[in-house]
């Protein structure tokens, strides 16, 4: 069996994936640019490693030549997806990543035919963004095939943010929001919409954000109007709205560099207790032109923990030969039940169940 390469394995999410992979019995190779970090991680997990830089085609070809699939974990992906995707195409290696960046989804989608010609898959977003929301979107589309509007939302309970996620957020400062309207991506102000969402027994104010499903849910379902929300305190929503008035400052390189340096002095990500006790609630609602609607709510494990679980789950499917060539979305390829292959996931509401939440 060819191996799975985890690139950027010593980053926060990459390490969580590597820890799961190390107990799987499947051939795994750790990789990234920093050999010192790789050597320490490989010794701790009992895995092999190989240093490689995305800037070197020679090193990347040597890394991927004998690989079946790579899980790309080195972000911000807007800067790193292209050299990895090109290396995968050169070496006939399936491409997975854990991005949530819409421009990456859209760019890889345009490369779909190139992957398909080589009988390869490209599935970005195999983590918390976008596996659970993608599964909810496809489930809703199955229940209401003529839906024209789709709303998705998530609420992360008892969880923090990793350095990598924070740096990606900094990269996007000053860019505002994105929604899907009449099939087209539409740039909107930050915190463009807000509403109270009932996540089962819990309710929260939520605000629209440029989450990956604005791209992927359209691919998975064909629904032309999509908004994604994140549960957030009112103070955060006010700050997001304020950001619309200081875009030039937020978009400046000096500020982004300063903020990234501050992030690097913080913990790598949520601690062990947060990973085990944290939970994520996912809500989705689809509506057709008649005003008929369907609603689904599920609960999953903590977001970073889920990212590791779903990334390795999908990599394992590919290693076992479960492949659909071309650009794919997680639920578009493996169906809406994919998320329920993760043990801690449970459905807590559908319209048929009424309001008697589990």
Protein backbone atom coordinates (compact mmCIF):
# COMPACT_ATOMS: atom_id res chain seq x y z
CA UNK A 1 0.00 0.00 0.00
CA UNK A 2 1.28 3.47 -0.89
CA UNK A 3 1.70 5.89 1.98
CA UNK A 4 -0.15 8.96 3.24
CA UNK A 5 1.96 12.10 3.61
CA UNK A 6 0.94 14.59 6.30
CA UNK A 7 2.50 17.89 5.25
CA UNK A 8 2.85 20.54 7.94
CA UNK A 9 2.54 17.71 10.44
CA UNK A 10 4.13 19.59 13.35
CA UNK A 11 1.55 22.41 13.25
CA UNK A 12 -1.34 22.25 15.69
CA UNK A 13 -3.91 20.52 13.47
CA UNK A 14 -1.28 18.54 11.58
CA UNK A 15 -0.04 17.07 14.86
CA UNK A 16 -3.55 16.03 15.90
CA UNK A 17 -3.94 14.21 12.57
CA UNK A 18 -0.51 12.62 12.94
CA UNK A 19 -1.37 11.33 16.41
CA UNK A 20 -4.43 9.53 15.06
CA UNK A 21 -2.52 8.26 12.03
CA UNK A 22 0.25 6.85 14.21
CA UNK A 23 -2.17 4.34 15.75
CA UNK A 24 -3.78 3.27 12.46
CA UNK A 25 -1.25 0.74 11.23
CA UNK A 26 -1.24 2.42 7.81
CA UNK A 27 1.97 3.73 6.18
CA UNK A 28 2.39 7.40 7.12
CA UNK A 29 5.15 9.90 6.36
CA UNK A 30 5.48 13.21 8.21
CA UNK A 31 6.75 16.22 6.31
CA UNK A 32 7.31 19.96 6.37
CA UNK A 33 10.10 22.51 6.11
CA UNK A 34 11.52 22.27 9.64
CA UNK A 35 13.64 19.15 10.03
CA UNK A 36 14.26 19.67 13.76
CA UNK A 37 10.54 19.75 14.52
CA UNK A 38 9.91 16.77 12.22
CA UNK A 39 12.61 14.66 13.88
CA UNK A 40 11.22 15.28 17.37
CA UNK A 41 7.66 14.55 16.28
CA UNK A 42 8.62 11.42 14.35
CA UNK A 43 10.50 10.03 17.35
CA UNK A 44 7.57 10.73 19.67
CA UNK A 45 5.00 9.11 17.37
CA UNK A 46 7.14 6.30 15.98
CA UNK A 47 6.74 7.46 12.38
CA UNK A 48 9.09 8.23 9.50
CA UNK A 49 9.66 11.75 8.24
CA UNK A 50 11.08 13.53 5.21
CA UNK A 51 11.91 17.24 5.03
CA UNK A 52 10.56 19.07 1.97
CA UNK A 53 9.91 22.68 1.03
CA UNK A 54 6.95 23.72 -1.08
CA UNK A 55 9.32 26.10 -2.84
CA UNK A 56 11.40 23.20 -4.20
CA UNK A 57 9.82 21.09 -6.95
CA UNK A 58 12.65 18.59 -6.60
CA UNK A 59 12.02 18.07 -2.89
CA UNK A 60 8.26 17.87 -3.36
CA UNK A 61 8.62 15.32 -6.18
CA UNK A 62 10.86 13.19 -3.98
CA UNK A 63 8.29 13.43 -1.18
CA UNK A 64 5.17 12.56 -3.19
CA UNK A 65 6.55 10.14 -5.78
CA UNK A 66 5.56 7.08 -3.71
CA UNK A 67 2.56 8.65 -1.97
CA UNK A 68 -1.09 7.79 -2.54
CA UNK A 69 -2.49 10.88 -0.80
CA UNK A 70 -1.29 14.00 0.96
CA UNK A 71 -3.08 15.77 3.80
CA UNK A 72 -1.90 19.35 3.38
CA UNK A 73 -1.92 21.17 6.74
CA UNK A 74 0.50 24.06 6.14
CA UNK A 75 -1.45 27.29 5.88
CA UNK A 76 -2.40 30.01 5.25
CA UNK A 77 -3.54 27.95 2.29
CA UNK A 78 -4.08 30.91 0.02
CA UNK A 79 -0.25 30.96 -0.20
CA UNK A 80 0.47 27.22 -0.15
CA UNK A 81 -2.26 25.36 -2.05
CA UNK A 82 -0.90 25.90 -5.56
CA UNK A 83 2.60 24.40 -5.19
CA UNK A 84 1.11 21.42 -3.34
CA UNK A 85 -1.62 20.88 -5.94
CA UNK A 86 0.91 21.08 -8.78
CA UNK A 87 3.19 18.60 -7.00
CA UNK A 88 0.24 16.22 -6.59
CA UNK A 89 -0.57 16.43 -10.31
CA UNK A 90 3.06 15.82 -11.29
CA UNK A 91 3.33 12.79 -9.03
CA UNK A 92 -0.19 11.30 -9.33
CA UNK A 93 -1.02 11.86 -5.67
CA UNK A 94 -4.51 12.62 -4.31
CA UNK A 95 -4.84 16.06 -2.66
CA UNK A 96 -6.55 16.78 0.67
CA UNK A 97 -6.28 19.90 2.82
CA UNK A 98 -7.91 21.40 5.90
CA UNK A 99 -8.50 24.90 4.53
CA UNK A 100 -11.55 27.06 5.06
CA UNK A 101 -10.50 29.73 2.56
CA UNK A 102 -13.04 30.34 -0.20
CA UNK A 103 -10.48 31.41 -2.80
CA UNK A 104 -8.70 28.07 -2.33
CA UNK A 105 -11.91 26.10 -2.89
CA UNK A 106 -12.70 28.10 -6.00
CA UNK A 107 -9.16 27.80 -7.37
CA UNK A 108 -8.98 24.05 -6.85
CA UNK A 109 -12.40 23.67 -8.43
CA UNK A 110 -10.99 25.23 -11.60
CA UNK A 111 -8.26 22.57 -11.55
CA UNK A 112 -10.83 19.77 -11.28
CA UNK A 113 -10.45 18.62 -14.90
CA UNK A 114 -6.67 18.36 -14.53
CA UNK A 115 -7.09 16.09 -11.50
CA UNK A 116 -9.80 14.07 -13.22
CA UNK A 117 -7.65 13.44 -16.29
CA UNK A 118 -5.07 11.78 -14.03
CA UNK A 119 -7.72 9.84 -12.07
CA UNK A 120 -6.93 11.90 -8.98
CA UNK A 121 -9.11 13.53 -6.33
CA UNK A 122 -8.77 17.03 -4.95
CA UNK A 123 -10.82 17.53 -1.77
CA UNK A 124 -10.03 20.73 0.14
CA UNK A 125 -11.73 21.36 3.46
CA UNK A 126 -11.62 17.88 4.99
CA UNK A 127 -11.71 19.27 8.53
CA UNK A 128 -14.27 21.11 10.66
CA UNK A 129 -14.53 23.48 7.77
CA UNK A 130 -16.33 22.06 5.85
CA UNK A 131 -17.19 18.44 6.60
CA UNK A 132 -20.06 18.79 9.13
CA UNK A 133 -21.69 21.78 7.42
CA UNK A 134 -21.31 20.14 4.01
CA UNK A 135 -23.03 17.01 5.31
CA UNK A 136 -25.89 19.10 6.71
CA UNK A 137 -26.21 20.98 3.39
CA UNK A 138 -26.45 17.77 1.34
CA UNK A 139 -28.90 16.24 3.82
CA UNK A 140 -31.15 19.30 3.52
CA UNK A 141 -30.95 19.20 -0.27
CA UNK A 142 -32.06 15.56 -0.23
CA UNK A 143 -35.02 16.46 2.00
CA UNK A 144 -35.97 19.54 -0.09
CA UNK A 145 -34.60 19.05 -3.64
CA UNK A 146 -36.15 22.29 -4.97
CA UNK A 147 -34.56 24.50 -2.28
CA UNK A 148 -33.41 27.93 -3.44
CA UNK A 149 -32.11 29.31 -0.13
CA UNK A 150 -29.67 27.68 2.27
CA UNK A 151 -28.53 28.95 5.67
CA UNK A 152 -25.87 27.18 7.71
CA UNK A 153 -24.47 28.02 11.14
CA UNK A 154 -22.10 26.63 13.74
CA UNK A 155 -21.48 27.21 17.42
CA UNK A 156 -18.20 26.08 19.00
CA UNK A 157 -18.67 25.38 22.72
CA UNK A 158 -15.73 25.40 25.16
CA UNK A 159 -13.06 25.71 22.48
CA UNK A 160 -10.30 28.13 21.55
CA UNK A 161 -8.51 29.04 18.31
CA UNK A 162 -5.19 27.68 17.04
CA UNK A 163 -2.29 29.86 15.88
CA UNK A 164 -2.87 28.73 12.30
CA UNK A 165 -6.56 29.68 12.35
CA UNK A 166 -5.74 33.03 13.94
CA UNK A 167 -3.13 33.79 11.27
CA UNK A 168 -5.61 32.96 8.50
CA UNK A 169 -8.13 35.30 10.12
CA UNK A 170 -5.48 38.02 10.17
CA UNK A 171 -4.77 37.44 6.47
CA UNK A 172 -8.43 38.17 5.73
CA UNK A 173 -8.70 41.35 7.81
CA UNK A 174 -10.27 44.18 5.89
CA UNK A 175 -11.80 41.98 3.19
CA UNK A 176 -15.36 41.97 4.57
CA UNK A 177 -17.75 39.05 4.06
CA UNK A 178 -18.94 36.78 1.27
CA UNK A 179 -22.30 35.23 0.50
CA UNK A 180 -23.71 33.32 -2.49
CA UNK A 181 -26.49 35.16 -4.30
CA UNK A 182 -28.20 33.88 -7.47
CA UNK A 183 -25.36 31.43 -7.94
CA UNK A 184 -22.62 34.06 -7.76
CA UNK A 185 -20.19 34.93 -4.99
CA UNK A 186 -21.00 38.38 -3.64
CA UNK A 187 -18.67 40.52 -1.55
CA UNK A 188 -20.57 42.11 1.36
CA UNK A 189 -19.59 44.08 4.48
CA UNK A 190 -18.34 42.22 7.53
CA UNK A 191 -21.23 41.12 9.80
CA UNK A 192 -23.58 41.69 6.86
CA UNK A 193 -26.40 39.74 8.51
CA UNK A 194 -27.15 38.67 12.06
CA UNK A 195 -29.96 36.63 13.61
CA UNK A 196 -30.87 34.52 16.62
CA UNK A 197 -30.51 30.82 15.87
CA UNK A 198 -31.91 27.96 17.95
CA UNK A 199 -29.30 25.20 18.13
CA UNK A 200 -31.62 22.70 19.77
CA UNK A 201 -32.06 23.59 23.43
CA UNK A 202 -29.56 26.45 23.15
CA UNK A 203 -29.94 29.76 21.34
CA UNK A 204 -27.36 32.31 20.27
CA UNK A 205 -27.02 35.44 18.22
CA UNK A 206 -25.10 34.56 15.06
CA UNK A 207 -23.38 36.66 12.43
CA UNK A 208 -22.67 35.98 8.75
CA UNK A 209 -19.06 35.12 7.91
CA UNK A 210 -17.15 34.14 4.74
CA UNK A 211 -17.08 30.41 5.66
CA UNK A 212 -16.01 27.80 3.12
CA UNK A 213 -19.53 26.50 2.49
CA UNK A 214 -20.33 29.65 0.53
CA UNK A 215 -18.25 27.87 -2.12
CA UNK A 216 -18.56 24.17 -1.29
CA UNK A 217 -22.27 23.97 -0.44
CA UNK A 218 -23.05 25.40 -3.88
CA UNK A 219 -20.94 22.67 -5.48
CA UNK A 220 -22.53 19.98 -3.31
CA UNK A 221 -26.17 21.06 -3.67
CA UNK A 222 -26.57 23.57 -6.51
CA UNK A 223 -28.56 25.84 -4.17
CA UNK A 224 -27.95 29.36 -5.47
CA UNK A 225 -28.41 31.50 -2.35
CA UNK A 226 -26.20 30.64 0.63
CA UNK A 227 -25.34 32.43 3.87
CA UNK A 228 -23.18 30.94 6.63
CA UNK A 229 -23.33 32.16 10.23
CA UNK A 230 -21.18 31.79 13.32
CA UNK A 231 -22.57 32.06 16.84
CA UNK A 232 -20.93 35.08 18.44
CA UNK A 233 -21.40 37.44 21.40
CA UNK A 234 -22.88 40.84 20.63
CA UNK A 235 -19.59 42.56 21.49
CA UNK A 236 -17.79 40.63 18.76
CA UNK A 237 -20.51 41.44 16.24
CA UNK A 238 -20.20 45.15 17.05
CA UNK A 239 -16.44 44.98 16.47
CA UNK A 240 -16.95 43.16 13.17
CA UNK A 241 -19.31 45.89 12.01
CA UNK A 242 -16.84 48.56 13.13
CA UNK A 243 -14.16 46.93 10.98
CA UNK A 244 -16.06 48.01 7.86
CA UNK A 245 -15.07 51.62 8.59
CA UNK A 246 -11.33 50.97 9.00
CA UNK A 247 -10.64 48.59 6.13
CA UNK A 248 -7.45 50.34 4.91
CA UNK A 249 -5.87 50.03 8.34
CA UNK A 250 -6.93 46.41 8.83
CA UNK A 251 -5.63 45.45 5.40
CA UNK A 252 -2.19 46.95 5.91
CA UNK A 253 0.82 44.61 5.90
CA UNK A 254 2.45 46.22 8.93
CA UNK A 255 -0.59 45.54 11.10
CA UNK A 256 -0.90 41.94 9.89
CA UNK A 257 2.80 41.32 10.59
CA UNK A 258 2.47 42.81 14.07
CA UNK A 259 -0.61 40.72 14.91
CA UNK A 260 0.97 37.50 13.61
CA UNK A 261 4.00 38.02 15.86
CA UNK A 262 1.67 38.44 18.84
CA UNK A 263 -0.18 35.24 17.87
CA UNK A 264 3.08 33.29 17.81
CA UNK A 265 3.57 34.05 21.53
CA UNK A 266 0.26 32.43 22.43
CA UNK A 267 -0.49 28.70 22.95
CA UNK A 268 -0.52 26.60 19.76
CA UNK A 269 -4.21 25.81 20.20
CA UNK A 270 -6.86 24.43 22.59
CA UNK A 271 -5.53 22.25 25.39
CA UNK A 272 -6.31 18.57 25.93
CA UNK A 273 -9.28 19.25 28.22
CA UNK A 274 -10.84 21.63 25.68
CA UNK A 275 -10.39 19.05 22.92
CA UNK A 276 -12.13 16.36 24.94
CA UNK A 277 -14.92 18.42 26.51
CA UNK A 278 -15.60 20.87 23.70
CA UNK A 279 -18.55 20.37 21.39
CA UNK A 280 -19.75 21.89 18.13
CA UNK A 281 -23.36 22.50 17.15
CA UNK A 282 -24.23 22.68 13.44
CA UNK A 283 -27.54 24.13 12.21
CA UNK A 284 -28.93 24.23 8.71
CA UNK A 285 -32.14 25.41 7.08
CA UNK A 286 -33.24 25.13 3.43
CA UNK A 287 -36.25 26.84 1.89
CA UNK A 288 -37.91 26.60 -1.54
CA UNK A 289 -39.80 29.26 -3.51
CA UNK A 290 -43.11 28.16 -1.95
CA UNK A 291 -41.81 28.98 1.53
CA UNK A 292 -41.57 25.30 2.51
CA UNK A 293 -38.53 24.55 4.63
CA UNK A 294 -36.45 21.82 6.23
CA UNK A 295 -34.15 22.11 9.22
CA UNK A 296 -31.38 19.92 10.64
CA UNK A 297 -29.21 20.28 13.75
CA UNK A 298 -26.32 18.00 14.65
CA UNK A 299 -23.75 17.92 17.44
CA UNK A 300 -20.15 16.91 16.86
CA UNK A 301 -16.91 16.79 18.80
CA UNK A 302 -14.72 19.87 19.34
CA UNK A 303 -13.73 21.50 16.04
CA UNK A 304 -9.99 20.79 16.01
CA UNK A 305 -10.50 17.27 17.26
CA UNK A 306 -13.12 16.77 14.55
CA UNK A 307 -10.71 18.13 11.93
CA UNK A 308 -8.20 15.45 12.81
CA UNK A 309 -10.85 12.73 12.83
CA UNK A 310 -12.48 13.64 9.51
CA UNK A 311 -9.19 14.34 7.71
CA UNK A 312 -7.87 10.91 8.63
CA UNK A 313 -11.22 9.26 7.91
CA UNK A 314 -11.20 10.59 4.34
CA UNK A 315 -7.51 9.80 3.83
CA UNK A 316 -8.22 6.25 4.95
CA UNK A 317 -11.01 5.90 2.40
CA UNK A 318 -8.61 6.96 -0.35
CA UNK A 319 -5.91 4.56 0.87
CA UNK A 320 -8.55 1.82 0.63
CA UNK A 321 -9.33 2.75 -2.99
CA UNK A 322 -12.59 4.65 -2.40
CA UNK A 323 -11.91 7.32 -5.02
CA UNK A 324 -14.02 9.62 -7.22
CA UNK A 325 -11.69 11.51 -9.60
CA UNK A 326 -11.73 15.29 -9.96
CA UNK A 327 -12.54 18.13 -7.61
CA UNK A 328 -14.87 16.95 -4.85
CA UNK A 329 -16.52 18.19 -1.69
CA UNK A 330 -16.60 15.88 1.36
CA UNK A 331 -20.35 15.15 1.39
CA UNK A 332 -20.60 15.48 -2.38
CA UNK A 333 -18.20 12.55 -2.64
CA UNK A 334 -19.00 10.41 0.40
CA UNK A 335 -22.58 11.43 1.18
CA UNK A 336 -24.26 13.24 4.10
CA UNK A 337 -23.79 10.27 6.43
CA UNK A 338 -20.01 10.82 6.35
CA UNK A 339 -20.11 12.93 9.51
CA UNK A 340 -21.91 10.15 11.40
CA UNK A 341 -18.90 7.89 10.89
CA UNK A 342 -17.36 10.01 13.65
CA UNK A 343 -18.48 8.34 16.87
CA UNK A 344 -19.35 11.51 18.83
CA UNK A 345 -21.63 12.95 16.15
CA UNK A 346 -25.35 12.80 16.77
CA UNK A 347 -28.41 14.31 15.14
CA UNK A 348 -30.42 16.32 17.63
CA UNK A 349 -33.15 17.74 15.42
CA UNK A 350 -34.97 17.32 12.14
CA UNK A 351 -38.32 18.83 11.21
CA UNK A 352 -40.01 15.43 11.50
CA UNK A 353 -38.89 15.16 15.12
CA UNK A 354 -40.53 18.45 16.04
CA UNK A 355 -39.13 20.55 18.86
CA UNK A 356 -38.55 17.69 21.28
CA UNK A 357 -34.75 17.93 21.20
CA UNK A 358 -32.70 14.98 22.30
